[in-house]
PDB file of all heavy atoms in Angstrom:
ATOM      1  N   LEU A   1     144.768 143.786 254.895  1.00  0.00           N
ATOM      2  CA  LEU A   1     146.026 143.351 255.551  1.00  0.00           C
ATOM      3  C   LEU A   1     147.325 143.748 254.879  1.00  0.00           C
ATOM      4  O   LEU A   1     147.422 143.360 253.603  1.00  0.00           O
ATOM      5  CB  LEU A   1     146.022 141.906 255.876  1.00  0.00           C
ATOM      6  CG  LEU A   1     147.345 141.328 256.497  1.00  0.00           C
ATOM      7  CD1 LEU A   1     147.437 141.910 257.884  1.00  0.00           C
ATOM      8  CD2 LEU A   1     147.230 139.802 256.581  1.00  0.00           C
ATOM      9  N   ARG A   2     148.213 144.444 255.393  1.00  0.00           N
ATOM     10  CA  ARG A   2     149.503 144.813 254.738  1.00  0.00           C
ATOM     11  C   ARG A   2     150.548 144.696 255.773  1.00  0.00           C
ATOM     12  O   ARG A   2     150.374 144.991 256.925  1.00  0.00           O
ATOM     13  CB  ARG A   2     149.427 146.150 254.215  1.00  0.00           C
ATOM     14  CG  ARG A   2     148.570 146.447 253.169  1.00  0.00           C
ATOM     15  CD  ARG A   2     148.709 147.872 252.620  1.00  0.00           C
ATOM     16  NE  ARG A   2     147.512 148.215 251.758  1.00  0.00           N
ATOM     17  CZ  ARG A   2     147.640 148.768 250.591  1.00  0.00           C
ATOM     18  NH1 ARG A   2     148.772 149.333 250.261  1.00  0.00           N
ATOM     19  NH2 ARG A   2     146.623 149.032 249.857  1.00  0.00           N
ATOM     20  N   PHE A   3     151.696 144.196 255.295  1.00  0.00           N
ATOM     21  CA  PHE A   3     152.880 144.078 256.317  1.00  0.00           C
ATOM     22  C   PHE A   3     154.057 144.261 255.532  1.00  0.00           C
ATOM     23  O   PHE A   3     154.166 144.245 254.288  1.00  0.00           O
ATOM     24  CB  PHE A   3     152.862 142.610 256.895  1.00  0.00           C
ATOM     25  CG  PHE A   3     152.963 141.487 255.951  1.00  0.00           C
ATOM     26  CD1 PHE A   3     154.191 140.982 255.824  1.00  0.00           C
ATOM     27  CD2 PHE A   3     151.898 140.956 255.417  1.00  0.00           C
ATOM     28  CE1 PHE A   3     154.335 139.863 254.935  1.00  0.00           C
ATOM     29  CE2 PHE A   3     151.957 139.927 254.580  1.00  0.00           C
ATOM     30  CZ  PHE A   3     153.198 139.287 254.336  1.00  0.00           C
ATOM     31  N   VAL A   4     155.238 144.433 256.174  1.00  0.00           N
ATOM     32  CA  VAL A   4     156.524 144.806 255.659  1.00  0.00           C
ATOM     33  C   VAL A   4     157.484 143.711 256.076  1.00  0.00           C
ATOM     34  O   VAL A   4     157.610 143.264 257.221  1.00  0.00           O
ATOM     35  CB  VAL A   4     157.013 146.176 256.223  1.00  0.00           C
ATOM     36  CG1 VAL A   4     158.481 146.457 255.733  1.00  0.00           C
ATOM     37  CG2 VAL A   4     156.076 147.312 255.842  1.00  0.00           C
ATOM     38  N   ASN A   5     158.305 143.198 255.126  1.00  0.00           N
ATOM     39  CA  ASN A   5     159.366 142.298 255.347  1.00  0.00           C
ATOM     40  C   ASN A   5     160.635 143.157 255.765  1.00  0.00           C
ATOM     41  O   ASN A   5     161.198 143.853 255.004  1.00  0.00           O
ATOM     42  CB  ASN A   5     159.670 141.578 254.036  1.00  0.00           C
ATOM     43  CG  ASN A   5     160.925 140.646 254.347  1.00  0.00           C
ATOM     44  OD1 ASN A   5     161.364 140.456 255.453  1.00  0.00           O
ATOM     45  ND2 ASN A   5     161.541 140.168 253.248  1.00  0.00           N
ATOM     46  N   ASP A   6     160.919 143.157 257.107  1.00  0.00           N
ATOM     47  CA  ASP A   6     161.983 143.838 257.517  1.00  0.00           C
ATOM     48  C   ASP A   6     163.167 142.863 257.920  1.00  0.00           C
ATOM     49  O   ASP A   6     164.130 143.196 258.659  1.00  0.00           O
ATOM     50  CB  ASP A   6     161.702 144.785 258.785  1.00  0.00           C
ATOM     51  CG  ASP A   6     161.142 143.989 259.926  1.00  0.00           C
ATOM     52  OD1 ASP A   6     160.854 142.752 259.800  1.00  0.00           O
ATOM     53  OD2 ASP A   6     160.923 144.565 260.957  1.00  0.00           O
ATOM     54  N   TYR A   7     163.102 141.575 257.442  1.00  0.00           N
ATOM     55  CA  TYR A   7     164.261 140.676 257.578  1.00  0.00           C
ATOM     56  C   TYR A   7     165.385 141.158 256.557  1.00  0.00           C
ATOM     57  O   TYR A   7     165.121 141.833 255.571  1.00  0.00           O
ATOM     58  CB  TYR A   7     163.683 139.349 257.204  1.00  0.00           C
ATOM     59  CG  TYR A   7     163.288 138.653 258.398  1.00  0.00           C
ATOM     60  CD1 TYR A   7     161.787 138.828 258.772  1.00  0.00           C
ATOM     61  CD2 TYR A   7     163.927 137.779 259.317  1.00  0.00           C
ATOM     62  CE1 TYR A   7     161.301 138.166 259.873  1.00  0.00           C
ATOM     63  CE2 TYR A   7     163.385 137.161 260.357  1.00  0.00           C
ATOM     64  CZ  TYR A   7     162.017 137.360 260.634  1.00  0.00           C
ATOM     65  OH  TYR A   7     161.563 136.681 261.735  1.00  0.00           O
ATOM     66  N   PRO A   8     166.585 140.724 256.741  1.00  0.00           N
ATOM     67  CA  PRO A   8     167.680 141.081 255.829  1.00  0.00           C
ATOM     68  C   PRO A   8     167.591 140.516 254.376  1.00  0.00           C
ATOM     69  O   PRO A   8     168.277 140.921 253.589  1.00  0.00           O
ATOM     70  CB  PRO A   8     168.917 140.634 256.582  1.00  0.00           C
ATOM     71  CG  PRO A   8     168.386 139.453 257.537  1.00  0.00           C
ATOM     72  CD  PRO A   8     167.004 139.731 257.882  1.00  0.00           C
ATOM     73  N   THR A   9     166.738 139.625 254.166  1.00  0.00           N
ATOM     74  CA  THR A   9     166.578 139.011 252.944  1.00  0.00           C
ATOM     75  C   THR A   9     165.223 138.650 252.467  1.00  0.00           C
ATOM     76  O   THR A   9     164.292 138.871 253.436  1.00  0.00           O
ATOM     77  CB  THR A   9     167.343 137.594 252.741  1.00  0.00           C
ATOM     78  OG1 THR A   9     166.835 136.745 253.829  1.00  0.00           O
ATOM     79  CG2 THR A   9     168.890 137.769 253.036  1.00  0.00           C
ATOM     80  N   PRO A  10     164.873 138.407 251.302  1.00  0.00           N
ATOM     81  CA  PRO A  10     163.448 138.104 250.979  1.00  0.00           C
ATOM     82  C   PRO A  10     162.912 136.891 251.667  1.00  0.00           C
ATOM     83  O   PRO A  10     163.733 136.033 252.198  1.00  0.00           O
ATOM     84  CB  PRO A  10     163.485 137.764 249.369  1.00  0.00           C
ATOM     85  CG  PRO A  10     164.745 138.447 248.939  1.00  0.00           C
ATOM     86  CD  PRO A  10     165.746 138.477 250.144  1.00  0.00           C
ATOM     87  N   LEU A  11     161.627 136.699 251.811  1.00  0.00           N
ATOM     88  CA  LEU A  11     161.066 135.690 252.446  1.00  0.00           C
ATOM     89  C   LEU A  11     160.320 134.688 251.568  1.00  0.00           C
ATOM     90  O   LEU A  11     159.708 135.186 250.461  1.00  0.00           O
ATOM     91  CB  LEU A  11     159.884 136.182 253.427  1.00  0.00           C
ATOM     92  CG  LEU A  11     160.387 137.004 254.676  1.00  0.00           C
ATOM     93  CD1 LEU A  11     159.257 137.522 255.422  1.00  0.00           C
ATOM     94  CD2 LEU A  11     161.270 136.197 255.568  1.00  0.00           C
ATOM     95  N   LEU A  12     160.167 133.471 251.804  1.00  0.00           N
ATOM     96  CA  LEU A  12     159.521 132.579 251.147  1.00  0.00           C
ATOM     97  C   LEU A  12     158.203 132.316 251.908  1.00  0.00           C
ATOM     98  O   LEU A  12     158.359 132.038 253.198  1.00  0.00           O
ATOM     99  CB  LEU A  12     160.275 131.168 250.912  1.00  0.00           C
ATOM    100  CG  LEU A  12     159.489 130.063 250.444  1.00  0.00           C
ATOM    101  CD1 LEU A  12     159.122 130.250 248.960  1.00  0.00           C
ATOM    102  CD2 LEU A  12     160.136 128.777 250.546  1.00  0.00           C
ATOM    103  N   VAL A  13     157.036 132.372 251.319  1.00  0.00           N
ATOM    104  CA  VAL A  13     155.751 132.152 252.072  1.00  0.00           C
ATOM    105  C   VAL A  13     155.359 130.727 251.555  1.00  0.00           C
ATOM    106  O   VAL A  13     155.101 130.561 250.407  1.00  0.00           O
ATOM    107  CB  VAL A  13     154.727 133.340 251.664  1.00  0.00           C
ATOM    108  CG1 VAL A  13     153.522 132.879 252.405  1.00  0.00           C
ATOM    109  CG2 VAL A  13     155.345 134.595 252.061  1.00  0.00           C
ATOM    110  N   ASN A  14     155.257 129.826 252.526  1.00  0.00           N
ATOM    111  CA  ASN A  14     154.734 128.472 252.138  1.00  0.00           C
ATOM    112  C   ASN A  14     153.352 128.325 252.817  1.00  0.00           C
ATOM    113  O   ASN A  14     153.170 128.502 254.126  1.00  0.00           O
ATOM    114  CB  ASN A  14     155.727 127.434 252.748  1.00  0.00           C
ATOM    115  CG  ASN A  14     155.400 126.110 252.541  1.00  0.00           C
ATOM    116  OD1 ASN A  14     154.853 125.808 251.428  1.00  0.00           O
ATOM    117  ND2 ASN A  14     155.430 125.159 253.414  1.00  0.00           N
ATOM    118  N   ALA A  15     152.407 128.048 251.970  1.00  0.00           N
ATOM    119  CA  ALA A  15     150.984 127.895 252.500  1.00  0.00           C
ATOM    120  C   ALA A  15     150.472 126.491 252.059  1.00  0.00           C
ATOM    121  O   ALA A  15     150.729 126.034 250.858  1.00  0.00           O
ATOM    122  CB  ALA A  15     150.106 128.886 251.859  1.00  0.00           C
ATOM    123  N   TYR A  16     149.968 125.785 253.026  1.00  0.00           N
ATOM    124  CA  TYR A  16     149.525 124.395 252.830  1.00  0.00           C
ATOM    125  C   TYR A  16     148.358 124.026 253.671  1.00  0.00           C
ATOM    126  O   TYR A  16     148.140 124.700 254.671  1.00  0.00           O
ATOM    127  CB  TYR A  16     150.670 123.375 252.775  1.00  0.00           C
ATOM    128  CG  TYR A  16     151.271 123.252 254.179  1.00  0.00           C
ATOM    129  CD1 TYR A  16     150.709 122.283 255.092  1.00  0.00           C
ATOM    130  CD2 TYR A  16     152.244 124.081 254.675  1.00  0.00           C
ATOM    131  CE1 TYR A  16     151.264 122.007 256.344  1.00  0.00           C
ATOM    132  CE2 TYR A  16     152.765 123.925 255.917  1.00  0.00           C
ATOM    133  CZ  TYR A  16     152.326 122.921 256.813  1.00  0.00           C
ATOM    134  OH  TYR A  16     152.762 122.815 258.087  1.00  0.00           O
ATOM    135  N   LEU A  17     147.781 122.883 253.335  1.00  0.00           N
ATOM    136  CA  LEU A  17     146.640 122.383 254.230  1.00  0.00           C
ATOM    137  C   LEU A  17     147.169 121.271 254.956  1.00  0.00           C
ATOM    138  O   LEU A  17     147.769 120.332 254.426  1.00  0.00           O
ATOM    139  CB  LEU A  17     145.446 121.985 253.319  1.00  0.00           C
ATOM    140  CG  LEU A  17     144.321 121.225 254.040  1.00  0.00           C
ATOM    141  CD1 LEU A  17     143.676 122.173 254.955  1.00  0.00           C
ATOM    142  CD2 LEU A  17     143.358 120.635 253.086  1.00  0.00           C
ATOM    143  N   ASP A  18     147.109 121.234 256.311  1.00  0.00           N
ATOM    144  CA  ASP A  18     147.462 120.200 257.208  1.00  0.00           C
ATOM    145  C   ASP A  18     146.266 119.113 257.107  1.00  0.00           C
ATOM    146  O   ASP A  18     145.164 119.517 257.846  1.00  0.00           O
ATOM    147  CB  ASP A  18     147.676 120.595 258.516  1.00  0.00           C
ATOM    148  CG  ASP A  18     148.134 119.464 259.550  1.00  0.00           C
ATOM    149  OD1 ASP A  18     147.528 118.352 259.337  1.00  0.00           O
ATOM    150  OD2 ASP A  18     148.902 119.733 260.430  1.00  0.00           O
ATOM    151  N   GLY A  19     146.232 118.225 256.371  1.00  0.00           N
ATOM    152  CA  GLY A  19     145.148 117.273 256.181  1.00  0.00           C
ATOM    153  C   GLY A  19     144.756 116.571 257.368  1.00  0.00           C
ATOM    154  O   GLY A  19     143.441 116.331 257.604  1.00  0.00           O
ATOM    155  N   ASP A  20     145.591 116.252 258.277  1.00  0.00           N
ATOM    156  CA  ASP A  20     145.228 115.575 259.497  1.00  0.00           C
ATOM    157  C   ASP A  20     144.444 116.425 260.433  1.00  0.00           C
ATOM    158  O   ASP A  20     143.483 115.997 260.958  1.00  0.00           O
ATOM    159  CB  ASP A  20     146.522 115.024 260.297  1.00  0.00           C
ATOM    160  CG  ASP A  20     147.239 113.981 259.595  1.00  0.00           C
ATOM    161  OD1 ASP A  20     146.527 113.251 258.680  1.00  0.00           O
ATOM    162  OD2 ASP A  20     148.474 113.818 259.722  1.00  0.00           O
ATOM    163  N   LYS A  21     144.818 117.600 260.517  1.00  0.00           N
ATOM    164  CA  LYS A  21     144.190 118.693 261.380  1.00  0.00           C
ATOM    165  C   LYS A  21     143.122 119.420 260.779  1.00  0.00           C
ATOM    166  O   LYS A  21     142.259 120.123 261.352  1.00  0.00           O
ATOM    167  CB  LYS A  21     145.209 119.618 261.973  1.00  0.00           C
ATOM    168  CG  LYS A  21     146.193 119.161 263.002  1.00  0.00           C
ATOM    169  CD  LYS A  21     147.091 120.176 263.448  1.00  0.00           C
ATOM    170  CE  LYS A  21     148.147 119.719 264.477  1.00  0.00           C
ATOM    171  NZ  LYS A  21     148.855 120.840 264.903  1.00  0.00           N
ATOM    172  N   LYS A  22     143.077 119.337 259.407  1.00  0.00           N
ATOM    173  CA  LYS A  22     142.087 120.057 258.535  1.00  0.00           C
ATOM    174  C   LYS A  22     142.280 121.575 258.791  1.00  0.00           C
ATOM    175  O   LYS A  22     141.246 122.135 258.981  1.00  0.00           O
ATOM    176  CB  LYS A  22     140.695 119.561 258.743  1.00  0.00           C
ATOM    177  CG  LYS A  22     140.548 118.075 258.305  1.00  0.00           C
ATOM    178  CD  LYS A  22     139.147 117.636 258.488  1.00  0.00           C
ATOM    179  CE  LYS A  22     139.055 116.051 257.898  1.00  0.00           C
ATOM    180  NZ  LYS A  22     138.047 115.405 258.476  1.00  0.00           N
ATOM    181  N   GLU A  23     143.465 121.944 258.816  1.00  0.00           N
ATOM    182  CA  GLU A  23     143.799 123.413 259.015  1.00  0.00           C
ATOM    183  C   GLU A  23     144.735 123.932 257.978  1.00  0.00           C
ATOM    184  O   GLU A  23     145.616 123.212 257.520  1.00  0.00           O
ATOM    185  CB  GLU A  23     144.407 123.590 260.412  1.00  0.00           C
ATOM    186  CG  GLU A  23     143.578 123.291 261.443  1.00  0.00           C
ATOM    187  CD  GLU A  23     144.380 123.322 262.882  1.00  0.00           C
ATOM    188  OE1 GLU A  23     145.529 123.374 262.845  1.00  0.00           O
ATOM    189  OE2 GLU A  23     143.640 123.329 263.861  1.00  0.00           O
ATOM    190  N   ALA A  24     144.569 125.215 257.592  1.00  0.00           N
ATOM    191  CA  ALA A  24     145.402 125.935 256.687  1.00  0.00           C
ATOM    192  C   ALA A  24     146.670 126.364 257.602  1.00  0.00           C
ATOM    193  O   ALA A  24     146.476 126.691 258.664  1.00  0.00           O
ATOM    194  CB  ALA A  24     144.758 127.109 256.065  1.00  0.00           C
ATOM    195  N   VAL A  25     147.798 126.323 256.994  1.00  0.00           N
ATOM    196  CA  VAL A  25     149.113 126.608 257.657  1.00  0.00           C
ATOM    197  C   VAL A  25     149.854 127.693 256.780  1.00  0.00           C
ATOM    198  O   VAL A  25     149.941 127.448 255.590  1.00  0.00           O
ATOM    199  CB  VAL A  25     149.918 125.448 257.913  1.00  0.00           C
ATOM    200  CG1 VAL A  25     151.317 125.861 258.663  1.00  0.00           C
ATOM    201  CG2 VAL A  25     149.204 124.493 258.800  1.00  0.00           C
ATOM    202  N   ILE A  26     150.311 128.696 257.298  1.00  0.00           N
ATOM    203  CA  ILE A  26     151.154 129.704 256.693  1.00  0.00           C
ATOM    204  C   ILE A  26     152.625 129.643 257.380  1.00  0.00           C
ATOM    205  O   ILE A  26     152.657 129.833 258.561  1.00  0.00           O
ATOM    206  CB  ILE A  26     150.708 131.115 256.688  1.00  0.00           C
ATOM    207  CG1 ILE A  26     149.210 131.192 256.003  1.00  0.00           C
ATOM    208  CG2 ILE A  26     151.615 132.068 256.088  1.00  0.00           C
ATOM    209  CD1 ILE A  26     149.341 131.033 254.470  1.00  0.00           C
ATOM    210  N   GLU A  27     153.657 129.418 256.676  1.00  0.00           N
ATOM    211  CA  GLU A  27     155.068 129.531 257.159  1.00  0.00           C
ATOM    212  C   GLU A  27     155.838 130.545 256.310  1.00  0.00           C
ATOM    213  O   GLU A  27     155.745 130.565 255.110  1.00  0.00           O
ATOM    214  CB  GLU A  27     155.638 128.154 257.087  1.00  0.00           C
ATOM    215  CG  GLU A  27     154.901 127.029 257.823  1.00  0.00           C
ATOM    216  CD  GLU A  27     155.470 125.670 257.468  1.00  0.00           C
ATOM    217  OE1 GLU A  27     155.920 125.447 256.423  1.00  0.00           O
ATOM    218  OE2 GLU A  27     155.474 124.782 258.428  1.00  0.00           O
ATOM    219  N   PHE A  28     156.716 131.194 257.129  1.00  0.00           N
ATOM    220  CA  PHE A  28     157.601 132.146 256.562  1.00  0.00           C
ATOM    221  C   PHE A  28     159.025 131.511 256.684  1.00  0.00           C
ATOM    222  O   PHE A  28     159.479 131.204 257.710  1.00  0.00           O
ATOM    223  CB  PHE A  28     157.559 133.474 257.066  1.00  0.00           C
ATOM    224  CG  PHE A  28     156.317 134.262 256.762  1.00  0.00           C
ATOM    225  CD1 PHE A  28     155.114 133.944 257.735  1.00  0.00           C
ATOM    226  CD2 PHE A  28     156.182 135.039 255.719  1.00  0.00           C
ATOM    227  CE1 PHE A  28     153.936 134.754 257.378  1.00  0.00           C
ATOM    228  CE2 PHE A  28     154.933 135.722 255.406  1.00  0.00           C
ATOM    229  CZ  PHE A  28     153.846 135.535 256.286  1.00  0.00           C
ATOM    230  N   TYR A  29     159.782 131.592 255.580  1.00  0.00           N
ATOM    231  CA  TYR A  29     161.248 131.113 255.615  1.00  0.00           C
ATOM    232  C   TYR A  29     162.111 132.232 255.078  1.00  0.00           C
ATOM    233  O   TYR A  29     161.771 132.896 254.092  1.00  0.00           O
ATOM    234  CB  TYR A  29     161.389 129.808 254.712  1.00  0.00           C
ATOM    235  CG  TYR A  29     160.751 128.698 255.197  1.00  0.00           C
ATOM    236  CD1 TYR A  29     159.481 128.261 254.763  1.00  0.00           C
ATOM    237  CD2 TYR A  29     161.321 127.913 256.122  1.00  0.00           C
ATOM    238  CE1 TYR A  29     158.850 127.187 255.297  1.00  0.00           C
ATOM    239  CE2 TYR A  29     160.700 126.822 256.694  1.00  0.00           C
ATOM    240  CZ  TYR A  29     159.389 126.426 256.138  1.00  0.00           C
ATOM    241  OH  TYR A  29     158.832 125.204 256.680  1.00  0.00           O
ATOM    242  N   GLY A  30     163.248 132.370 255.797  1.00  0.00           N
ATOM    243  CA  GLY A  30     164.165 133.369 255.405  1.00  0.00           C
ATOM    244  C   GLY A  30     165.442 133.308 256.200  1.00  0.00           C
ATOM    245  O   GLY A  30     165.662 132.399 256.944  1.00  0.00           O
ATOM    246  N   THR A  31     166.305 134.330 256.156  1.00  0.00           N
ATOM    247  CA  THR A  31     167.515 134.360 256.881  1.00  0.00           C
ATOM    248  C   THR A  31     167.226 134.916 258.329  1.00  0.00           C
ATOM    249  O   THR A  31     166.637 135.980 258.469  1.00  0.00           O
ATOM    250  CB  THR A  31     168.512 135.255 256.186  1.00  0.00           C
ATOM    251  OG1 THR A  31     168.756 134.752 254.851  1.00  0.00           O
ATOM    252  CG2 THR A  31     169.905 135.354 256.976  1.00  0.00           C
ATOM    253  N   ALA A  32     167.413 134.101 259.265  1.00  0.00           N
ATOM    254  CA  ALA A  32     167.244 134.465 260.675  1.00  0.00           C
ATOM    255  C   ALA A  32     168.121 135.682 261.163  1.00  0.00           C
ATOM    256  O   ALA A  32     169.224 135.697 260.674  1.00  0.00           O
ATOM    257  CB  ALA A  32     167.463 133.289 261.656  1.00  0.00           C
TER     258      ALA A  32
END
């Protein structure tokens, strides 16, 4: 898997486990 950040600024990648759902979650944060 490869991808390109074409947003105007760097992205923060937040990965965590949702303990209630027992699921892994990936979130991307940056400038909209």
